[in-house]
Amino acid sequence: MRRFWVVLGLIGVLGVAAVAVSGRLRVSSRLTELRDIEVPTLKGINAEIAHIELKRMGLRNVHVGSTHKIVGVPIVLANWTVVEMQPVAGTLVRSDTPIMLLVSKH
């Protein structure tokens, strides 16, 4: 009789674990889902704010480049302003599409 309860308990634990894992898989697949997003107008905006906004919108592949020949990659984005971006504002892109912000020092 004791063996019956042990086996029943193990089946219950495995059932709960299976439900928990399947729930996690559904949640994580929703998080990595690709979706279409319209690129916003960011020209003239502080680069740090622009970068945060793009990430908030779900764009995961954001890059920043400098217009200055000496500075290849801006470090402190708060000191820079977006002067150009690719793709251009209004373009519908997937959430994993590379977005390039070209920035200039204040």
PDB file of N, CA and C in Angstrom:
ATOM      1  N   MET A   1       0.823  -1.195   0.000  1.00  0.00           N
ATOM      2  CA  MET A   1       0.000   0.000   0.000  1.00  0.00           C
ATOM      3  C   MET A   1       0.869   1.262   0.000  1.00  0.00           C
ATOM      4  N   ARG A   2       1.955   1.226   0.777  1.00  0.00           N
ATOM      5  CA  ARG A   2       2.839   2.388   0.844  1.00  0.00           C
ATOM      6  C   ARG A   2       3.453   2.683  -0.523  1.00  0.00           C
ATOM      7  N   ARG A   3       3.820   1.623  -1.238  1.00  0.00           N
ATOM      8  CA  ARG A   3       4.416   1.794  -2.560  1.00  0.00           C
ATOM      9  C   ARG A   3       3.431   2.499  -3.505  1.00  0.00           C
ATOM     10  N   PHE A   4       2.164   2.177  -3.398  1.00  0.00           N
ATOM     11  CA  PHE A   4       1.126   2.813  -4.208  1.00  0.00           C
ATOM     12  C   PHE A   4       1.133   4.321  -3.998  1.00  0.00           C
ATOM     13  N   TRP A   5       1.213   4.768  -2.757  1.00  0.00           N
ATOM     14  CA  TRP A   5       1.188   6.204  -2.451  1.00  0.00           C
ATOM     15  C   TRP A   5       2.463   6.908  -2.924  1.00  0.00           C
ATOM     16  N   VAL A   6       3.588   6.205  -2.823  1.00  0.00           N
ATOM     17  CA  VAL A   6       4.847   6.780  -3.302  1.00  0.00           C
ATOM     18  C   VAL A   6       4.778   6.984  -4.820  1.00  0.00           C
ATOM     19  N   VAL A   7       4.312   5.969  -5.538  1.00  0.00           N
ATOM     20  CA  VAL A   7       4.193   6.068  -6.993  1.00  0.00           C
ATOM     21  C   VAL A   7       3.198   7.165  -7.366  1.00  0.00           C
ATOM     22  N   LEU A   8       2.063   7.217  -6.675  1.00  0.00           N
ATOM     23  CA  LEU A   8       1.058   8.244  -6.936  1.00  0.00           C
ATOM     24  C   LEU A   8       1.629   9.641  -6.677  1.00  0.00           C
ATOM     25  N   GLY A   9       2.410   9.789  -5.612  1.00  0.00           N
ATOM     26  CA  GLY A   9       3.049  11.070  -5.297  1.00  0.00           C
ATOM     27  C   GLY A   9       4.032  11.489  -6.379  1.00  0.00           C
ATOM     28  N   LEU A  10       4.835  10.532  -6.865  1.00  0.00           N
ATOM     29  CA  LEU A  10       5.794  10.828  -7.937  1.00  0.00           C
ATOM     30  C   LEU A  10       5.081  11.248  -9.224  1.00  0.00           C
ATOM     31  N   ILE A  11       3.999  10.578  -9.535  1.00  0.00           N
ATOM     32  CA  ILE A  11       3.228  10.951 -10.726  1.00  0.00           C
ATOM     33  C   ILE A  11       2.686  12.369 -10.570  1.00  0.00           C
ATOM     34  N   GLY A  12       2.215  12.700  -9.385  1.00  0.00           N
ATOM     35  CA  GLY A  12       1.707  14.053  -9.134  1.00  0.00           C
ATOM     36  C   GLY A  12       2.790  15.105  -9.288  1.00  0.00           C
ATOM     37  N   VAL A  13       3.964  14.845  -8.726  1.00  0.00           N
ATOM     38  CA  VAL A  13       5.079  15.792  -8.818  1.00  0.00           C
ATOM     39  C   VAL A  13       5.502  15.971 -10.271  1.00  0.00           C
ATOM     40  N   LEU A  14       5.604  14.875 -11.011  1.00  0.00           N
ATOM     41  CA  LEU A  14       5.978  14.963 -12.425  1.00  0.00           C
ATOM     42  C   LEU A  14       4.921  15.717 -13.230  1.00  0.00           C
ATOM     43  N   GLY A  15       3.659  15.523 -12.896  1.00  0.00           N
ATOM     44  CA  GLY A  15       2.587  16.244 -13.587  1.00  0.00           C
ATOM     45  C   GLY A  15       2.674  17.739 -13.356  1.00  0.00           C
ATOM     46  N   VAL A  16       2.908  18.141 -12.104  1.00  0.00           N
ATOM     47  CA  VAL A  16       3.043  19.565 -11.776  1.00  0.00           C
ATOM     48  C   VAL A  16       4.261  20.151 -12.490  1.00  0.00           C
ATOM     49  N   ALA A  17       5.371  19.416 -12.505  1.00  0.00           N
ATOM     50  CA  ALA A  17       6.585  19.900 -13.178  1.00  0.00           C
ATOM     51  C   ALA A  17       6.342  20.069 -14.678  1.00  0.00           C
ATOM     52  N   ALA A  18       5.629  19.130 -15.284  1.00  0.00           N
ATOM     53  CA  ALA A  18       5.351  19.222 -16.721  1.00  0.00           C
ATOM     54  C   ALA A  18       4.506  20.450 -17.039  1.00  0.00           C
ATOM     55  N   VAL A  19       3.515  20.726 -16.211  1.00  0.00           N
ATOM     56  CA  VAL A  19       2.668  21.907 -16.419  1.00  0.00           C
ATOM     57  C   VAL A  19       3.497  23.179 -16.271  1.00  0.00           C
ATOM     58  N   ALA A  20       4.372  23.220 -15.260  1.00  0.00           N
ATOM     59  CA  ALA A  20       5.205  24.406 -15.032  1.00  0.00           C
ATOM     60  C   ALA A  20       6.141  24.648 -16.211  1.00  0.00           C
ATOM     61  N   VAL A  21       6.772  23.593 -16.713  1.00  0.00           N
ATOM     62  CA  VAL A  21       7.705  23.734 -17.832  1.00  0.00           C
ATOM     63  C   VAL A  21       6.966  24.171 -19.092  1.00  0.00           C
ATOM     64  N   SER A  22       5.813  23.574 -19.366  1.00  0.00           N
ATOM     65  CA  SER A  22       5.078  23.961 -20.580  1.00  0.00           C
ATOM     66  C   SER A  22       4.612  25.408 -20.494  1.00  0.00           C
ATOM     67  N   GLY A  23       4.255  25.887 -19.316  1.00  0.00           N
ATOM     68  CA  GLY A  23       3.879  27.290 -19.137  1.00  0.00           C
ATOM     69  C   GLY A  23       5.047  28.209 -19.404  1.00  0.00           C
ATOM     70  N   ARG A  24       6.220  27.838 -18.933  1.00  0.00           N
ATOM     71  CA  ARG A  24       7.424  28.642 -19.178  1.00  0.00           C
ATOM     72  C   ARG A  24       7.766  28.692 -20.651  1.00  0.00           C
ATOM     73  N   LEU A  25       7.639  27.576 -21.334  1.00  0.00           N
ATOM     74  CA  LEU A  25       7.954  27.545 -22.759  1.00  0.00           C
ATOM     75  C   LEU A  25       7.023  28.463 -23.543  1.00  0.00           C
ATOM     76  N   ARG A  26       5.746  28.485 -23.178  1.00  0.00           N
ATOM     77  CA  ARG A  26       4.808  29.373 -23.874  1.00  0.00           C
ATOM     78  C   ARG A  26       5.164  30.827 -23.632  1.00  0.00           C
ATOM     79  N   VAL A  27       5.517  31.185 -22.398  1.00  0.00           N
ATOM     80  CA  VAL A  27       5.866  32.565 -22.077  1.00  0.00           C
ATOM     81  C   VAL A  27       7.132  32.973 -22.813  1.00  0.00           C
ATOM     82  N   SER A  28       8.174  32.127 -22.779  1.00  0.00           N
ATOM     83  CA  SER A  28       9.434  32.499 -23.420  1.00  0.00           C
ATOM     84  C   SER A  28       9.285  32.574 -24.934  1.00  0.00           C
ATOM     85  N   SER A  29       8.440  31.744 -25.533  1.00  0.00           N
ATOM     86  CA  SER A  29       8.271  31.836 -26.981  1.00  0.00           C
ATOM     87  C   SER A  29       7.562  33.129 -27.357  1.00  0.00           C
ATOM     88  N   ARG A  30       6.666  33.626 -26.495  1.00  0.00           N
ATOM     89  CA  ARG A  30       6.019  34.909 -26.757  1.00  0.00           C
ATOM     90  C   ARG A  30       7.019  36.049 -26.663  1.00  0.00           C
ATOM     91  N   LEU A  31       7.983  35.944 -25.762  1.00  0.00           N
ATOM     92  CA  LEU A  31       8.962  37.010 -25.582  1.00  0.00           C
ATOM     93  C   LEU A  31       9.915  37.105 -26.771  1.00  0.00           C
ATOM     94  N   THR A  32      10.208  35.978 -27.410  1.00  0.00           N
ATOM     95  CA  THR A  32      11.153  35.984 -28.521  1.00  0.00           C
ATOM     96  C   THR A  32      10.455  36.095 -29.876  1.00  0.00           C
ATOM     97  N   GLU A  33       9.142  36.197 -29.852  1.00  0.00           N
ATOM     98  CA  GLU A  33       8.358  36.313 -31.078  1.00  0.00           C
ATOM     99  C   GLU A  33       8.755  37.559 -31.871  1.00  0.00           C
ATOM    100  N   LEU A  34       8.890  37.405 -33.167  1.00  0.00           N
ATOM    101  CA  LEU A  34       9.188  38.553 -34.019  1.00  0.00           C
ATOM    102  C   LEU A  34       7.877  39.251 -34.349  1.00  0.00           C
ATOM    103  N   ARG A  35       7.905  40.571 -34.348  1.00  0.00           N
ATOM    104  CA  ARG A  35       6.702  41.321 -34.702  1.00  0.00           C
ATOM    105  C   ARG A  35       7.098  42.541 -35.510  1.00  0.00           C
ATOM    106  N   ASP A  36       6.128  43.101 -36.226  1.00  0.00           N
ATOM    107  CA  ASP A  36       6.376  44.290 -37.037  1.00  0.00           C
ATOM    108  C   ASP A  36       6.224  45.545 -36.189  1.00  0.00           C
ATOM    109  N   ILE A  37       7.180  46.460 -36.341  1.00  0.00           N
ATOM    110  CA  ILE A  37       7.198  47.708 -35.573  1.00  0.00           C
ATOM    111  C   ILE A  37       7.512  48.844 -36.538  1.00  0.00           C
ATOM    112  N   GLU A  38       6.806  49.962 -36.387  1.00  0.00           N
ATOM    113  CA  GLU A  38       7.089  51.135 -37.215  1.00  0.00           C
ATOM    114  C   GLU A  38       8.223  51.930 -36.577  1.00  0.00           C
ATOM    115  N   VAL A  39       9.257  52.211 -37.365  1.00  0.00           N
ATOM    116  CA  VAL A  39      10.408  52.979 -36.872  1.00  0.00           C
ATOM    117  C   VAL A  39       9.942  54.413 -36.583  1.00  0.00           C
ATOM    118  N   PRO A  40      10.188  54.899 -35.351  1.00  0.00           N
ATOM    119  CA  PRO A  40       9.734  56.250 -35.000  1.00  0.00           C
ATOM    120  C   PRO A  40      10.665  57.337 -35.548  1.00  0.00           C
ATOM    121  N   THR A  41      10.203  58.574 -35.503  1.00  0.00           N
ATOM    122  CA  THR A  41      11.023  59.724 -35.875  1.00  0.00           C
ATOM    123  C   THR A  41      11.898  60.083 -34.681  1.00  0.00           C
ATOM    124  N   LEU A  42      13.211  59.973 -34.840  1.00  0.00           N
ATOM    125  CA  LEU A  42      14.128  60.240 -33.728  1.00  0.00           C
ATOM    126  C   LEU A  42      15.186  61.286 -34.065  1.00  0.00           C
ATOM    127  N   LYS A  43      15.178  61.794 -35.276  1.00  0.00           N
ATOM    128  CA  LYS A  43      16.170  62.792 -35.686  1.00  0.00           C
ATOM    129  C   LYS A  43      16.048  64.022 -34.785  1.00  0.00           C
ATOM    130  N   GLY A  44      17.208  64.481 -34.246  1.00  0.00           N
ATOM    131  CA  GLY A  44      17.235  65.642 -33.360  1.00  0.00           C
ATOM    132  C   GLY A  44      17.035  65.305 -31.893  1.00  0.00           C
ATOM    133  N   ILE A  45      16.806  64.033 -31.585  1.00  0.00           N
ATOM    134  CA  ILE A  45      16.569  63.577 -30.207  1.00  0.00           C
ATOM    135  C   ILE A  45      17.901  63.166 -29.571  1.00  0.00           C
ATOM    136  N   ASN A  46      17.996  63.337 -28.260  1.00  0.00           N
ATOM    137  CA  ASN A  46      19.148  62.865 -27.505  1.00  0.00           C
ATOM    138  C   ASN A  46      19.330  61.368 -27.778  1.00  0.00           C
ATOM    139  N   ALA A  47      20.556  60.947 -28.073  1.00  0.00           N
ATOM    140  CA  ALA A  47      20.831  59.564 -28.465  1.00  0.00           C
ATOM    141  C   ALA A  47      20.470  58.560 -27.379  1.00  0.00           C
ATOM    142  N   GLU A  48      20.685  58.914 -26.126  1.00  0.00           N
ATOM    143  CA  GLU A  48      20.354  57.992 -25.037  1.00  0.00           C
ATOM    144  C   GLU A  48      18.845  57.763 -24.974  1.00  0.00           C
ATOM    145  N   ILE A  49      18.076  58.835 -25.085  1.00  0.00           N
ATOM    146  CA  ILE A  49      16.615  58.721 -25.060  1.00  0.00           C
ATOM    147  C   ILE A  49      16.130  57.924 -26.274  1.00  0.00           C
ATOM    148  N   ALA A  50      16.717  58.182 -27.441  1.00  0.00           N
ATOM    149  CA  ALA A  50      16.343  57.462 -28.659  1.00  0.00           C
ATOM    150  C   ALA A  50      16.621  55.966 -28.510  1.00  0.00           C
ATOM    151  N   HIS A  51      17.781  55.630 -27.975  1.00  0.00           N
ATOM    152  CA  HIS A  51      18.163  54.228 -27.787  1.00  0.00           C
ATOM    153  C   HIS A  51      17.197  53.538 -26.832  1.00  0.00           C
ATOM    154  N   ILE A  52      16.871  54.183 -25.728  1.00  0.00           N
ATOM    155  CA  ILE A  52      15.934  53.624 -24.747  1.00  0.00           C
ATOM    156  C   ILE A  52      14.562  53.423 -25.382  1.00  0.00           C
ATOM    157  N   GLU A  53      14.105  54.394 -26.146  1.00  0.00           N
ATOM    158  CA  GLU A  53      12.784  54.313 -26.791  1.00  0.00           C
ATOM    159  C   GLU A  53      12.711  53.149 -27.778  1.00  0.00           C
ATOM    160  N   LEU A  54      13.758  52.961 -28.568  1.00  0.00           N
ATOM    161  CA  LEU A  54      13.763  51.852 -29.519  1.00  0.00           C
ATOM    162  C   LEU A  54      13.708  50.508 -28.797  1.00  0.00           C
ATOM    163  N   LYS A  55      14.461  50.370 -27.721  1.00  0.00           N
ATOM    164  CA  LYS A  55      14.450  49.131 -26.933  1.00  0.00           C
ATOM    165  C   LYS A  55      13.072  48.918 -26.304  1.00  0.00           C
ATOM    166  N   ARG A  56      12.474  50.001 -25.791  1.00  0.00           N
ATOM    167  CA  ARG A  56      11.152  49.916 -25.161  1.00  0.00           C
ATOM    168  C   ARG A  56      10.098  49.447 -26.172  1.00  0.00           C
ATOM    169  N   MET A  57      10.256  49.865 -27.408  1.00  0.00           N
ATOM    170  CA  MET A  57       9.318  49.482 -28.464  1.00  0.00           C
ATOM    171  C   MET A  57       9.483  48.022 -28.882  1.00  0.00           C
ATOM    172  N   GLY A  58      10.577  47.393 -28.454  1.00  0.00           N
ATOM    173  CA  GLY A  58      10.803  45.992 -28.790  1.00  0.00           C
ATOM    174  C   GLY A  58      11.835  45.758 -29.871  1.00  0.00           C
ATOM    175  N   LEU A  59      12.485  46.828 -30.331  1.00  0.00           N
ATOM    176  CA  LEU A  59      13.550  46.674 -31.327  1.00  0.00           C
ATOM    177  C   LEU A  59      14.820  46.237 -30.598  1.00  0.00           C
ATOM    178  N   ARG A  60      15.305  45.039 -30.939  1.00  0.00           N
ATOM    179  CA  ARG A  60      16.374  44.415 -30.160  1.00  0.00           C
ATOM    180  C   ARG A  60      17.760  44.567 -30.757  1.00  0.00           C
ATOM    181  N   ASN A  61      17.858  45.112 -31.954  1.00  0.00           N
ATOM    182  CA  ASN A  61      19.133  45.115 -32.666  1.00  0.00           C
ATOM    183  C   ASN A  61      19.530  46.555 -33.013  1.00  0.00           C
ATOM    184  N   VAL A  62      19.739  47.376 -31.970  1.00  0.00           N
ATOM    185  CA  VAL A  62      20.010  48.807 -32.152  1.00  0.00           C
ATOM    186  C   VAL A  62      21.513  49.064 -32.062  1.00  0.00           C
ATOM    187  N   HIS A  63      22.050  49.781 -33.051  1.00  0.00           N
ATOM    188  CA  HIS A  63      23.471  50.124 -33.094  1.00  0.00           C
ATOM    189  C   HIS A  63      23.624  51.636 -33.186  1.00  0.00           C
ATOM    190  N   VAL A  64      24.743  52.148 -32.684  1.00  0.00           N
ATOM    191  CA  VAL A  64      24.996  53.589 -32.700  1.00  0.00           C
ATOM    192  C   VAL A  64      26.361  53.836 -33.322  1.00  0.00           C
ATOM    193  N   GLY A  65      26.424  54.781 -34.245  1.00  0.00           N
ATOM    194  CA  GLY A  65      27.674  55.168 -34.878  1.00  0.00           C
ATOM    195  C   GLY A  65      27.834  56.676 -34.840  1.00  0.00           C
ATOM    196  N   SER A  66      29.065  57.133 -34.903  1.00  0.00           N
ATOM    197  CA  SER A  66      29.375  58.555 -34.792  1.00  0.00           C
ATOM    198  C   SER A  66      29.641  59.188 -36.151  1.00  0.00           C
ATOM    199  N   THR A  67      29.282  60.473 -36.282  1.00  0.00           N
ATOM    200  CA  THR A  67      29.616  61.236 -37.488  1.00  0.00           C
ATOM    201  C   THR A  67      31.046  61.758 -37.418  1.00  0.00           C
ATOM    202  N   HIS A  68      31.651  61.728 -36.220  1.00  0.00           N
ATOM    203  CA  HIS A  68      33.010  62.243 -36.022  1.00  0.00           C
ATOM    204  C   HIS A  68      34.035  61.183 -36.402  1.00  0.00           C
ATOM    205  N   LYS A  69      35.025  61.571 -37.181  1.00  0.00           N
ATOM    206  CA  LYS A  69      36.045  60.627 -37.630  1.00  0.00           C
ATOM    207  C   LYS A  69      36.909  60.105 -36.477  1.00  0.00           C
ATOM    208  N   ILE A  70      37.129  60.929 -35.463  1.00  0.00           N
ATOM    209  CA  ILE A  70      37.983  60.533 -34.337  1.00  0.00           C
ATOM    210  C   ILE A  70      37.273  59.541 -33.421  1.00  0.00           C
ATOM    211  N   VAL A  71      35.986  59.762 -33.195  1.00  0.00           N
ATOM    212  CA  VAL A  71      35.223  58.900 -32.284  1.00  0.00           C
ATOM    213  C   VAL A  71      34.440  57.893 -33.111  1.00  0.00           C
ATOM    214  N   GLY A  72      34.852  56.632 -33.062  1.00  0.00           N
ATOM    215  CA  GLY A  72      34.159  55.605 -33.833  1.00  0.00           C
ATOM    216  C   GLY A  72      32.831  55.195 -33.228  1.00  0.00           C
ATOM    217  N   VAL A  73      32.846  54.912 -31.930  1.00  0.00           N
ATOM    218  CA  VAL A  73      31.635  54.474 -31.238  1.00  0.00           C
ATOM    219  C   VAL A  73      31.417  55.367 -30.025  1.00  0.00           C
ATOM    220  N   PRO A  74      30.303  56.076 -29.967  1.00  0.00           N
ATOM    221  CA  PRO A  74      30.012  56.928 -28.809  1.00  0.00           C
ATOM    222  C   PRO A  74      29.848  56.082 -27.545  1.00  0.00           C
ATOM    223  N   ILE A  75      30.443  56.550 -26.437  1.00  0.00           N
ATOM    224  CA  ILE A  75      30.361  55.822 -25.174  1.00  0.00           C
ATOM    225  C   ILE A  75      29.196  56.333 -24.327  1.00  0.00           C
ATOM    226  N   VAL A  76      29.167  57.612 -24.042  1.00  0.00           N
ATOM    227  CA  VAL A  76      28.102  58.203 -23.221  1.00  0.00           C
ATOM    228  C   VAL A  76      27.062  58.797 -24.170  1.00  0.00           C
ATOM    229  N   LEU A  77      25.998  58.046 -24.421  1.00  0.00           N
ATOM    230  CA  LEU A  77      25.003  58.460 -25.412  1.00  0.00           C
ATOM    231  C   LEU A  77      24.293  59.760 -25.052  1.00  0.00           C
ATOM    232  N   ALA A  78      24.252  60.102 -23.772  1.00  0.00           N
ATOM    233  CA  ALA A  78      23.572  61.330 -23.340  1.00  0.00           C
ATOM    234  C   ALA A  78      24.226  62.581 -23.923  1.00  0.00           C
ATOM    235  N   ASN A  79      25.483  62.475 -24.362  1.00  0.00           N
ATOM    236  CA  ASN A  79      26.209  63.622 -24.922  1.00  0.00           C
ATOM    237  C   ASN A  79      26.078  63.729 -26.440  1.00  0.00           C
ATOM    238  N   TRP A  80      25.210  62.933 -27.034  1.00  0.00           N
ATOM    239  CA  TRP A  80      25.097  62.863 -28.487  1.00  0.00           C
ATOM    240  C   TRP A  80      23.651  63.082 -28.926  1.00  0.00           C
ATOM    241  N   THR A  81      23.485  63.499 -30.188  1.00  0.00           N
ATOM    242  CA  THR A  81      22.164  63.732 -30.770  1.00  0.00           C
ATOM    243  C   THR A  81      22.033  62.919 -32.058  1.00  0.00           C
ATOM    244  N   VAL A  82      20.870  62.330 -32.271  1.00  0.00           N
ATOM    245  CA  VAL A  82      20.620  61.562 -33.493  1.00  0.00           C
ATOM    246  C   VAL A  82      20.503  62.527 -34.671  1.00  0.00           C
ATOM    247  N   VAL A  83      21.329  62.311 -35.712  1.00  0.00           N
ATOM    248  CA  VAL A  83      21.273  63.158 -36.906  1.00  0.00           C
ATOM    249  C   VAL A  83      20.741  62.391 -38.121  1.00  0.00           C
ATOM    250  N   GLU A  84      20.799  61.077 -38.040  1.00  0.00           N
ATOM    251  CA  GLU A  84      20.325  60.245 -39.147  1.00  0.00           C
ATOM    252  C   GLU A  84      20.064  58.852 -38.609  1.00  0.00           C
ATOM    253  N   MET A  85      19.186  58.129 -39.255  1.00  0.00           N
ATOM    254  CA  MET A  85      18.957  56.744 -38.848  1.00  0.00           C
ATOM    255  C   MET A  85      18.588  55.886 -40.045  1.00  0.00           C
ATOM    256  N   GLN A  86      18.882  54.620 -39.914  1.00  0.00           N
ATOM    257  CA  GLN A  86      18.593  53.661 -40.966  1.00  0.00           C
ATOM    258  C   GLN A  86      17.993  52.427 -40.330  1.00  0.00           C
ATOM    259  N   PRO A  87      16.862  51.924 -40.742  1.00  0.00           N
ATOM    260  CA  PRO A  87      15.986  52.456 -41.768  1.00  0.00           C
ATOM    261  C   PRO A  87      15.331  53.768 -41.328  1.00  0.00           C
ATOM    262  N   VAL A  88      14.790  54.486 -42.286  1.00  0.00           N
ATOM    263  CA  VAL A  88      14.220  55.806 -42.008  1.00  0.00           C
ATOM    264  C   VAL A  88      12.910  55.683 -41.234  1.00  0.00           C
ATOM    265  N   ALA A  89      12.535  56.774 -40.566  1.00  0.00           N
ATOM    266  CA  ALA A  89      11.294  56.827 -39.790  1.00  0.00           C
ATOM    267  C   ALA A  89      10.101  56.476 -40.675  1.00  0.00           C
ATOM    268  N   GLY A  90       9.168  55.741 -40.086  1.00  0.00           N
ATOM    269  CA  GLY A  90       7.966  55.340 -40.808  1.00  0.00           C
ATOM    270  C   GLY A  90       8.062  53.974 -41.457  1.00  0.00           C
ATOM    271  N   THR A  91       9.285  53.427 -41.539  1.00  0.00           N
ATOM    272  CA  THR A  91       9.483  52.103 -42.128  1.00  0.00           C
ATOM    273  C   THR A  91       8.967  51.040 -41.170  1.00  0.00           C
ATOM    274  N   LEU A  92       8.275  50.038 -41.694  1.00  0.00           N
ATOM    275  CA  LEU A  92       7.800  48.919 -40.894  1.00  0.00           C
ATOM    276  C   LEU A  92       8.878  47.843 -40.913  1.00  0.00           C
ATOM    277  N   VAL A  93       9.383  47.458 -39.727  1.00  0.00           N
ATOM    278  CA  VAL A  93      10.479  46.486 -39.634  1.00  0.00           C
ATOM    279  C   VAL A  93      10.124  45.388 -38.640  1.00  0.00           C
ATOM    280  N   ARG A  94      10.841  44.274 -38.730  1.00  0.00           N
ATOM    281  CA  ARG A  94      10.708  43.201 -37.742  1.00  0.00           C
ATOM    282  C   ARG A  94      11.484  43.615 -36.491  1.00  0.00           C
ATOM    283  N   SER A  95      11.125  43.053 -35.353  1.00  0.00           N
ATOM    284  CA  SER A  95      11.755  43.445 -34.089  1.00  0.00           C
ATOM    285  C   SER A  95      13.241  43.110 -34.030  1.00  0.00           C
ATOM    286  N   ASP A  96      13.727  42.217 -34.905  1.00  0.00           N
ATOM    287  CA  ASP A  96      15.155  41.875 -34.908  1.00  0.00           C
ATOM    288  C   ASP A  96      15.936  42.580 -36.027  1.00  0.00           C
ATOM    289  N   THR A  97      15.293  43.490 -36.752  1.00  0.00           N
ATOM    290  CA  THR A  97      15.958  44.230 -37.827  1.00  0.00           C
ATOM    291  C   THR A  97      17.030  45.156 -37.254  1.00  0.00           C
ATOM    292  N   PRO A  98      18.232  45.182 -37.837  1.00  0.00           N
ATOM    293  CA  PRO A  98      19.253  46.121 -37.352  1.00  0.00           C
ATOM    294  C   PRO A  98      18.809  47.572 -37.570  1.00  0.00           C
ATOM    295  N   ILE A  99      18.895  48.367 -36.512  1.00  0.00           N
ATOM    296  CA  ILE A  99      18.583  49.793 -36.561  1.00  0.00           C
ATOM    297  C   ILE A  99      19.885  50.530 -36.274  1.00  0.00           C
ATOM    298  N   MET A 100      20.279  51.450 -37.159  1.00  0.00           N
ATOM    299  CA  MET A 100      21.516  52.214 -36.969  1.00  0.00           C
ATOM    300  C   MET A 100      21.179  53.665 -36.696  1.00  0.00           C
ATOM    301  N   LEU A 101      21.626  54.146 -35.547  1.00  0.00           N
ATOM    302  CA  LEU A 101      21.504  55.563 -35.206  1.00  0.00           C
ATOM    303  C   LEU A 101      22.850  56.217 -35.487  1.00  0.00           C
ATOM    304  N   LEU A 102      22.871  57.201 -36.351  1.00  0.00           N
ATOM    305  CA  LEU A 102      24.078  57.983 -36.611  1.00  0.00           C
ATOM    306  C   LEU A 102      23.959  59.234 -35.750  1.00  0.00           C
ATOM    307  N   VAL A 103      24.951  59.463 -34.898  1.00  0.00           N
ATOM    308  CA  VAL A 103      24.848  60.540 -33.912  1.00  0.00           C
ATOM    309  C   VAL A 103      25.998  61.532 -34.031  1.00  0.00           C
ATOM    310  N   SER A 104      25.737  62.747 -33.537  1.00  0.00           N
ATOM    311  CA  SER A 104      26.728  63.817 -33.538  1.00  0.00           C
ATOM    312  C   SER A 104      26.856  64.349 -32.115  1.00  0.00           C
ATOM    313  N   LYS A 105      28.066  64.772 -31.761  1.00  0.00           N
ATOM    314  CA  LYS A 105      28.325  65.307 -30.419  1.00  0.00           C
ATOM    315  C   LYS A 105      27.616  66.643 -30.262  1.00  0.00           C
ATOM    316  N   HIS A 106      27.042  66.893 -29.063  1.00  0.00           N
ATOM    317  CA  HIS A 106      26.365  68.173 -28.757  1.00  0.00           C
ATOM    318  C   HIS A 106      27.307  69.330 -28.969  1.00  0.00           C
TER     319      HIS A 106
END
